């Protein structure tokens, strides 16, 4: 049986240029170049326009939302706003719209008693599920 090395930490990008990854460097260099060009040609107005560009470049390079990059969040936002949506509406019968009586919450022991489950049956059921999962997880030799 041959052993293979499995790569570790594949979600970590390599630092290519100093402390930055290639993607971070491209965002920062592009934003910095655009800001420098605006300031050189438009002076004060260019400086005012360059600040949001620098902020966007920094956000694209470093900011993460729920462990997702800002570029992924922007892509998801554009896809949502520009994508088509399908809304379906189905009219229900008037009998189905009649208000029903409120259902009282049932505690776990009461639910087990209603279903006829005791501790032994639950244990047997859990064990049978574990055995089925264990046999499915093992590869055929």
N, C-alpha and C. Protein backbone atom coordinates (compact mmCIF):
# COMPACT_ATOMS: atom_id res chain seq x y z
N UNK A 1 0.85 -1.17 0.00
CA UNK A 1 0.00 0.00 0.00
C UNK A 1 0.90 1.24 0.00
N UNK A 2 0.70 2.11 -0.97
CA UNK A 2 1.51 3.32 -1.08
C UNK A 2 0.91 4.42 -0.21
N UNK A 3 1.79 5.18 0.40
CA UNK A 3 1.34 6.31 1.21
C UNK A 3 1.58 7.59 0.43
N UNK A 4 0.61 8.47 0.50
CA UNK A 4 0.70 9.74 -0.20
C UNK A 4 0.62 10.87 0.81
N UNK A 5 1.36 11.92 0.55
CA UNK A 5 1.28 13.10 1.42
C UNK A 5 0.11 13.95 0.97
N UNK A 6 -0.72 14.32 1.92
CA UNK A 6 -1.87 15.17 1.64
C UNK A 6 -1.48 16.61 1.97
N UNK A 7 -1.68 17.53 1.03
CA UNK A 7 -1.32 18.93 1.31
C UNK A 7 -2.13 19.49 2.47
N UNK A 8 -1.47 20.25 3.30
CA UNK A 8 -2.11 20.89 4.45
C UNK A 8 -2.24 22.38 4.18
N UNK A 9 -3.18 23.02 4.82
CA UNK A 9 -3.39 24.47 4.76
C UNK A 9 -3.53 24.95 3.32
N UNK A 10 -4.39 24.32 2.55
CA UNK A 10 -4.53 24.69 1.14
C UNK A 10 -5.33 25.97 0.97
N UNK A 11 -6.03 26.43 2.02
CA UNK A 11 -6.80 27.65 1.88
C UNK A 11 -5.95 28.89 2.16
N UNK A 12 -4.71 28.74 2.57
CA UNK A 12 -3.82 29.86 2.85
C UNK A 12 -3.05 30.20 1.57
N UNK A 13 -3.15 31.46 1.12
CA UNK A 13 -2.44 31.87 -0.08
C UNK A 13 -0.99 32.17 0.26
N UNK A 14 -0.11 31.99 -0.73
CA UNK A 14 1.31 32.23 -0.54
C UNK A 14 1.60 33.72 -0.54
N UNK A 15 2.53 34.12 0.32
CA UNK A 15 2.98 35.51 0.34
C UNK A 15 4.02 35.66 -0.76
N UNK A 16 3.70 36.44 -1.78
CA UNK A 16 4.56 36.54 -2.95
C UNK A 16 5.42 37.79 -2.89
N UNK A 17 4.82 38.92 -2.57
CA UNK A 17 5.53 40.19 -2.59
C UNK A 17 5.51 40.76 -1.18
N UNK A 18 6.59 40.55 -0.44
CA UNK A 18 6.67 41.02 0.94
C UNK A 18 5.62 40.33 1.79
N UNK A 19 4.88 41.09 2.60
CA UNK A 19 3.86 40.48 3.45
C UNK A 19 2.51 40.30 2.74
N UNK A 20 2.45 40.58 1.43
CA UNK A 20 1.19 40.54 0.69
C UNK A 20 1.14 39.34 -0.25
N UNK A 21 -0.07 38.85 -0.45
CA UNK A 21 -0.28 37.86 -1.49
C UNK A 21 -0.33 38.59 -2.83
N UNK A 22 -0.30 37.84 -3.91
CA UNK A 22 -0.32 38.47 -5.24
C UNK A 22 -1.61 39.26 -5.44
N UNK A 23 -2.72 38.70 -5.02
CA UNK A 23 -4.01 39.37 -5.19
C UNK A 23 -4.04 40.67 -4.38
N UNK A 24 -3.57 40.63 -3.12
CA UNK A 24 -3.54 41.84 -2.30
C UNK A 24 -2.65 42.91 -2.93
N UNK A 25 -1.50 42.50 -3.45
CA UNK A 25 -0.58 43.45 -4.06
C UNK A 25 -1.20 44.10 -5.29
N UNK A 26 -1.90 43.32 -6.10
CA UNK A 26 -2.54 43.88 -7.30
C UNK A 26 -3.62 44.89 -6.92
N UNK A 27 -4.44 44.56 -5.93
CA UNK A 27 -5.47 45.50 -5.48
C UNK A 27 -4.84 46.79 -4.96
N UNK A 28 -3.81 46.66 -4.12
CA UNK A 28 -3.18 47.85 -3.54
C UNK A 28 -2.44 48.67 -4.59
N UNK A 29 -1.73 48.01 -5.49
CA UNK A 29 -1.00 48.74 -6.53
C UNK A 29 -1.97 49.43 -7.49
N UNK A 30 -3.03 48.76 -7.86
CA UNK A 30 -4.02 49.36 -8.75
C UNK A 30 -4.72 50.55 -8.11
N UNK A 31 -5.14 50.39 -6.87
CA UNK A 31 -5.79 51.50 -6.16
C UNK A 31 -4.84 52.65 -5.92
N UNK A 32 -3.59 52.34 -5.55
CA UNK A 32 -2.60 53.40 -5.34
C UNK A 32 -2.24 54.11 -6.63
N UNK A 33 -2.12 53.38 -7.73
CA UNK A 33 -1.82 53.99 -9.02
C UNK A 33 -2.95 54.89 -9.50
N UNK A 34 -4.18 54.41 -9.36
CA UNK A 34 -5.33 55.22 -9.76
C UNK A 34 -5.42 56.48 -8.90
N UNK A 35 -5.19 56.34 -7.60
CA UNK A 35 -5.24 57.51 -6.71
C UNK A 35 -4.13 58.49 -7.04
N UNK A 36 -2.92 58.00 -7.29
CA UNK A 36 -1.81 58.88 -7.63
C UNK A 36 -2.09 59.63 -8.93
N UNK A 37 -2.62 58.93 -9.93
CA UNK A 37 -2.95 59.59 -11.19
C UNK A 37 -4.00 60.68 -11.01
N UNK A 38 -5.02 60.39 -10.20
CA UNK A 38 -6.05 61.40 -9.96
C UNK A 38 -5.49 62.63 -9.23
N UNK A 39 -4.63 62.40 -8.25
CA UNK A 39 -4.07 63.52 -7.49
C UNK A 39 -3.13 64.35 -8.38
N UNK A 40 -2.34 63.70 -9.23
CA UNK A 40 -1.41 64.43 -10.10
C UNK A 40 -2.13 65.28 -11.14
N UNK A 41 -3.24 64.76 -11.67
CA UNK A 41 -3.91 65.48 -12.75
C UNK A 41 -5.04 66.40 -12.28
N UNK A 42 -5.70 66.06 -11.20
CA UNK A 42 -6.85 66.84 -10.76
C UNK A 42 -6.62 67.58 -9.43
N UNK A 43 -5.48 67.42 -8.83
CA UNK A 43 -5.05 68.09 -7.59
C UNK A 43 -6.06 67.87 -6.46
N UNK A 44 -6.72 68.91 -5.98
CA UNK A 44 -7.57 68.80 -4.80
C UNK A 44 -8.80 67.93 -5.08
N UNK A 45 -9.43 68.13 -6.22
CA UNK A 45 -10.59 67.31 -6.56
C UNK A 45 -10.16 65.85 -6.72
N UNK A 46 -8.99 65.62 -7.30
CA UNK A 46 -8.46 64.27 -7.45
C UNK A 46 -8.20 63.62 -6.11
N UNK A 47 -7.76 64.40 -5.12
CA UNK A 47 -7.52 63.86 -3.78
C UNK A 47 -8.84 63.42 -3.15
N UNK A 48 -9.89 64.21 -3.35
CA UNK A 48 -11.20 63.86 -2.79
C UNK A 48 -11.75 62.60 -3.46
N UNK A 49 -11.54 62.47 -4.75
CA UNK A 49 -12.01 61.28 -5.47
C UNK A 49 -11.13 60.06 -5.13
N UNK A 50 -9.86 60.29 -4.84
CA UNK A 50 -8.92 59.20 -4.59
C UNK A 50 -9.16 58.51 -3.25
N UNK A 51 -9.69 59.22 -2.27
CA UNK A 51 -9.91 58.60 -0.95
C UNK A 51 -10.85 57.39 -1.00
N UNK A 52 -12.01 57.49 -1.65
CA UNK A 52 -12.85 56.27 -1.74
C UNK A 52 -12.20 55.15 -2.55
N UNK A 53 -11.40 55.51 -3.55
CA UNK A 53 -10.72 54.49 -4.34
C UNK A 53 -9.70 53.75 -3.47
N UNK A 54 -8.97 54.49 -2.65
CA UNK A 54 -8.00 53.86 -1.73
C UNK A 54 -8.72 52.99 -0.70
N UNK A 55 -9.85 53.48 -0.20
CA UNK A 55 -10.61 52.69 0.77
C UNK A 55 -11.12 51.39 0.14
N UNK A 56 -11.61 51.47 -1.09
CA UNK A 56 -12.07 50.26 -1.79
C UNK A 56 -10.93 49.30 -2.03
N UNK A 57 -9.77 49.82 -2.43
CA UNK A 57 -8.61 48.96 -2.67
C UNK A 57 -8.18 48.26 -1.38
N UNK A 58 -8.17 48.99 -0.27
CA UNK A 58 -7.80 48.39 1.01
C UNK A 58 -8.82 47.33 1.43
N UNK A 59 -10.11 47.63 1.22
CA UNK A 59 -11.15 46.65 1.57
C UNK A 59 -11.02 45.40 0.71
N UNK A 60 -10.78 45.57 -0.59
CA UNK A 60 -10.62 44.41 -1.46
C UNK A 60 -9.41 43.57 -1.05
N UNK A 61 -8.37 44.22 -0.57
CA UNK A 61 -7.15 43.50 -0.22
C UNK A 61 -7.23 42.82 1.14
N UNK A 62 -7.86 43.46 2.14
CA UNK A 62 -7.73 42.96 3.51
C UNK A 62 -9.04 42.61 4.21
N UNK A 63 -10.15 43.26 3.89
CA UNK A 63 -11.37 43.14 4.68
C UNK A 63 -12.05 41.80 4.43
N UNK A 64 -12.49 41.15 5.52
CA UNK A 64 -13.21 39.89 5.43
C UNK A 64 -14.52 40.00 6.20
N UNK A 65 -15.59 39.43 5.63
CA UNK A 65 -16.89 39.40 6.26
C UNK A 65 -17.26 37.95 6.47
N UNK A 66 -17.42 37.56 7.74
CA UNK A 66 -17.73 36.16 8.06
C UNK A 66 -16.75 35.19 7.40
N UNK A 67 -15.49 35.53 7.47
CA UNK A 67 -14.40 34.72 6.93
C UNK A 67 -14.48 34.55 5.41
N UNK A 68 -15.17 35.46 4.74
CA UNK A 68 -15.23 35.51 3.27
C UNK A 68 -14.58 36.81 2.84
N UNK A 69 -13.84 36.77 1.76
CA UNK A 69 -13.18 37.98 1.30
C UNK A 69 -14.20 38.99 0.78
N UNK A 70 -13.81 40.25 0.78
CA UNK A 70 -14.70 41.32 0.34
C UNK A 70 -15.03 41.17 -1.14
N UNK A 71 -14.10 40.61 -1.91
CA UNK A 71 -14.37 40.39 -3.33
C UNK A 71 -15.50 39.37 -3.50
N UNK A 72 -15.52 38.33 -2.68
CA UNK A 72 -16.61 37.35 -2.74
C UNK A 72 -17.94 37.99 -2.37
N UNK A 73 -17.92 38.87 -1.36
CA UNK A 73 -19.14 39.54 -0.95
C UNK A 73 -19.65 40.47 -2.04
N UNK A 74 -18.75 41.20 -2.70
CA UNK A 74 -19.16 42.08 -3.80
C UNK A 74 -19.74 41.27 -4.96
N UNK A 75 -19.10 40.17 -5.27
CA UNK A 75 -19.59 39.31 -6.35
C UNK A 75 -20.98 38.79 -6.04
N UNK A 76 -21.19 38.34 -4.80
CA UNK A 76 -22.51 37.84 -4.40
C UNK A 76 -23.55 38.95 -4.45
N UNK A 77 -23.17 40.17 -4.06
CA UNK A 77 -24.10 41.29 -4.10
C UNK A 77 -24.50 41.64 -5.53
N UNK A 78 -23.52 41.71 -6.44
CA UNK A 78 -23.83 42.00 -7.84
C UNK A 78 -24.69 40.90 -8.46
N UNK A 79 -24.38 39.66 -8.14
CA UNK A 79 -25.16 38.54 -8.68
C UNK A 79 -26.60 38.63 -8.20
N UNK A 80 -26.78 38.99 -6.94
CA UNK A 80 -28.12 39.09 -6.39
C UNK A 80 -28.90 40.23 -7.04
N UNK A 81 -28.29 41.41 -7.11
CA UNK A 81 -29.01 42.56 -7.63
C UNK A 81 -29.24 42.51 -9.14
N UNK A 82 -28.31 41.93 -9.88
CA UNK A 82 -28.44 41.89 -11.33
C UNK A 82 -29.12 40.62 -11.84
N UNK A 83 -29.21 39.61 -11.00
CA UNK A 83 -29.80 38.35 -11.43
C UNK A 83 -31.31 38.42 -11.49
N UNK A 84 -31.90 37.51 -12.24
CA UNK A 84 -33.35 37.47 -12.33
C UNK A 84 -33.90 36.71 -11.13
N UNK A 85 -35.11 37.09 -10.75
CA UNK A 85 -35.76 36.44 -9.63
C UNK A 85 -37.10 35.88 -10.10
N UNK A 86 -37.48 34.78 -9.54
CA UNK A 86 -38.74 34.15 -9.89
C UNK A 86 -39.61 34.14 -8.65
N UNK A 87 -40.72 34.86 -8.70
CA UNK A 87 -41.65 34.91 -7.58
C UNK A 87 -42.89 34.10 -7.96
N UNK A 88 -43.25 33.17 -7.13
CA UNK A 88 -44.43 32.35 -7.35
C UNK A 88 -45.45 32.65 -6.27
N UNK A 89 -46.69 32.76 -6.68
CA UNK A 89 -47.76 33.00 -5.73
C UNK A 89 -48.86 32.03 -6.04
N UNK A 90 -49.30 31.35 -5.03
CA UNK A 90 -50.36 30.36 -5.21
C UNK A 90 -51.50 30.71 -4.25
N UNK A 91 -52.67 30.89 -4.80
CA UNK A 91 -53.82 31.22 -3.98
C UNK A 91 -54.26 29.97 -3.24
N UNK A 92 -54.49 30.11 -1.94
CA UNK A 92 -54.89 28.98 -1.13
C UNK A 92 -56.40 28.98 -0.94
N UNK A 93 -56.94 27.81 -0.63
CA UNK A 93 -58.37 27.70 -0.36
C UNK A 93 -58.73 28.48 0.89
N UNK A 94 -59.99 28.92 0.96
CA UNK A 94 -60.43 29.66 2.14
C UNK A 94 -60.46 28.75 3.36
N UNK A 95 -60.69 27.45 3.17
CA UNK A 95 -60.70 26.51 4.30
C UNK A 95 -59.30 26.37 4.88
N UNK A 96 -58.28 26.44 4.02
CA UNK A 96 -56.90 26.32 4.50
C UNK A 96 -56.47 27.58 5.24
N UNK A 97 -57.15 28.71 4.98
CA UNK A 97 -56.78 29.96 5.62
C UNK A 97 -57.44 30.14 6.97
N UNK A 98 -58.34 29.24 7.35
CA UNK A 98 -59.01 29.37 8.63
C UNK A 98 -57.99 29.25 9.75
N UNK A 99 -58.09 30.12 10.73
CA UNK A 99 -57.10 30.07 11.82
C UNK A 99 -57.25 28.79 12.62
N UNK A 100 -56.14 28.19 12.95
CA UNK A 100 -56.16 26.96 13.72
C UNK A 100 -55.89 27.29 15.19
N UNK A 101 -56.25 26.37 16.04
CA UNK A 101 -56.03 26.56 17.47
C UNK A 101 -54.53 26.52 17.75
N UNK A 102 -54.07 27.35 18.68
CA UNK A 102 -52.63 27.34 18.99
C UNK A 102 -52.22 26.00 19.59
N UNK A 103 -51.04 25.56 19.21
CA UNK A 103 -50.52 24.29 19.68
C UNK A 103 -49.62 24.55 20.87
N UNK A 104 -49.88 23.84 21.95
CA UNK A 104 -49.07 24.01 23.16
C UNK A 104 -47.72 23.33 22.95
N UNK A 105 -46.64 23.95 23.42
CA UNK A 105 -45.33 23.31 23.27
C UNK A 105 -45.25 22.03 24.10
N UNK A 106 -44.55 21.06 23.56
CA UNK A 106 -44.40 19.77 24.22
C UNK A 106 -42.95 19.60 24.61
N UNK A 107 -42.71 19.19 25.84
CA UNK A 107 -41.34 18.98 26.29
C UNK A 107 -40.81 17.66 25.72
N UNK A 108 -39.50 17.49 25.78
CA UNK A 108 -38.88 16.29 25.22
C UNK A 108 -39.36 15.01 25.91
N UNK A 109 -39.43 14.96 27.24
CA UNK A 109 -39.92 13.71 27.86
C UNK A 109 -41.37 13.39 27.47
N UNK A 110 -42.22 14.44 27.35
CA UNK A 110 -43.60 14.19 26.94
C UNK A 110 -43.66 13.66 25.52
N UNK A 111 -42.82 14.20 24.65
CA UNK A 111 -42.79 13.74 23.25
C UNK A 111 -42.35 12.29 23.17
N UNK A 112 -41.32 11.93 23.95
CA UNK A 112 -40.86 10.53 23.96
C UNK A 112 -41.96 9.61 24.44
N UNK A 113 -42.70 10.06 25.46
CA UNK A 113 -43.76 9.23 26.01
C UNK A 113 -44.88 9.05 24.98
N UNK A 114 -45.23 10.13 24.25
CA UNK A 114 -46.28 10.03 23.23
C UNK A 114 -45.87 9.07 22.11
N UNK A 115 -44.58 9.08 21.76
CA UNK A 115 -44.11 8.21 20.68
C UNK A 115 -43.81 6.80 21.16
N UNK A 116 -43.88 6.56 22.46
CA UNK A 116 -43.61 5.23 23.00
C UNK A 116 -42.12 4.91 23.02
N UNK A 117 -41.27 5.93 23.14
CA UNK A 117 -39.83 5.71 23.19
C UNK A 117 -39.35 5.82 24.63
N UNK A 118 -38.61 4.83 25.05
CA UNK A 118 -37.96 4.92 26.36
C UNK A 118 -36.45 4.98 26.14
N UNK A 119 -35.70 5.03 27.20
CA UNK A 119 -34.25 5.21 27.11
C UNK A 119 -33.60 4.05 26.36
N UNK A 120 -34.05 2.83 26.58
CA UNK A 120 -33.46 1.66 25.92
C UNK A 120 -33.72 1.69 24.41
N UNK A 121 -34.94 2.05 24.00
CA UNK A 121 -35.25 2.11 22.58
C UNK A 121 -34.42 3.19 21.89
N UNK A 122 -34.27 4.33 22.56
CA UNK A 122 -33.45 5.40 21.98
C UNK A 122 -32.00 4.97 21.85
N UNK A 123 -31.49 4.28 22.85
CA UNK A 123 -30.11 3.80 22.81
C UNK A 123 -29.93 2.80 21.67
N UNK A 124 -30.88 1.87 21.51
CA UNK A 124 -30.80 0.88 20.43
C UNK A 124 -30.87 1.55 19.06
N UNK A 125 -31.73 2.53 18.92
CA UNK A 125 -31.86 3.25 17.66
C UNK A 125 -30.57 3.99 17.32
N UNK A 126 -30.00 4.67 18.31
CA UNK A 126 -28.75 5.40 18.08
C UNK A 126 -27.63 4.43 17.71
N UNK A 127 -27.58 3.30 18.38
CA UNK A 127 -26.53 2.32 18.08
C UNK A 127 -26.69 1.76 16.68
N UNK A 128 -27.91 1.46 16.26
CA UNK A 128 -28.12 0.93 14.91
C UNK A 128 -27.72 1.96 13.86
N UNK A 129 -27.99 3.24 14.13
CA UNK A 129 -27.57 4.28 13.19
C UNK A 129 -26.05 4.39 13.14
N UNK A 130 -25.40 4.28 14.29
CA UNK A 130 -23.94 4.33 14.32
C UNK A 130 -23.34 3.16 13.56
N UNK A 131 -23.90 2.00 13.69
CA UNK A 131 -23.39 0.83 13.00
C UNK A 131 -23.56 0.99 11.49
N UNK A 132 -24.71 1.50 11.05
CA UNK A 132 -24.93 1.71 9.63
C UNK A 132 -23.97 2.75 9.08
N UNK A 133 -23.77 3.85 9.81
CA UNK A 133 -22.83 4.88 9.36
C UNK A 133 -21.41 4.36 9.33
N UNK A 134 -21.03 3.56 10.30
CA UNK A 134 -19.68 3.04 10.35
C UNK A 134 -19.38 2.10 9.20
N UNK A 135 -20.35 1.27 8.82
CA UNK A 135 -20.11 0.34 7.71
C UNK A 135 -20.08 1.07 6.38
N UNK A 136 -20.84 2.16 6.26
CA UNK A 136 -20.83 2.92 5.00
C UNK A 136 -19.57 3.74 4.84
N UNK A 137 -18.96 4.14 5.98
CA UNK A 137 -17.78 5.00 5.91
C UNK A 137 -16.52 4.23 5.58
N UNK A 138 -16.52 2.90 5.83
CA UNK A 138 -15.31 2.12 5.57
C UNK A 138 -15.26 1.71 4.10
N UNK A 139 -14.11 1.92 3.44
CA UNK A 139 -14.01 1.55 2.03
C UNK A 139 -13.93 0.04 1.85
N UNK A 140 -14.39 -0.43 0.72
CA UNK A 140 -14.30 -1.86 0.40
C UNK A 140 -12.87 -2.20 0.05
N UNK A 141 -12.41 -3.31 0.58
CA UNK A 141 -11.01 -3.71 0.31
C UNK A 141 -10.96 -4.86 -0.66
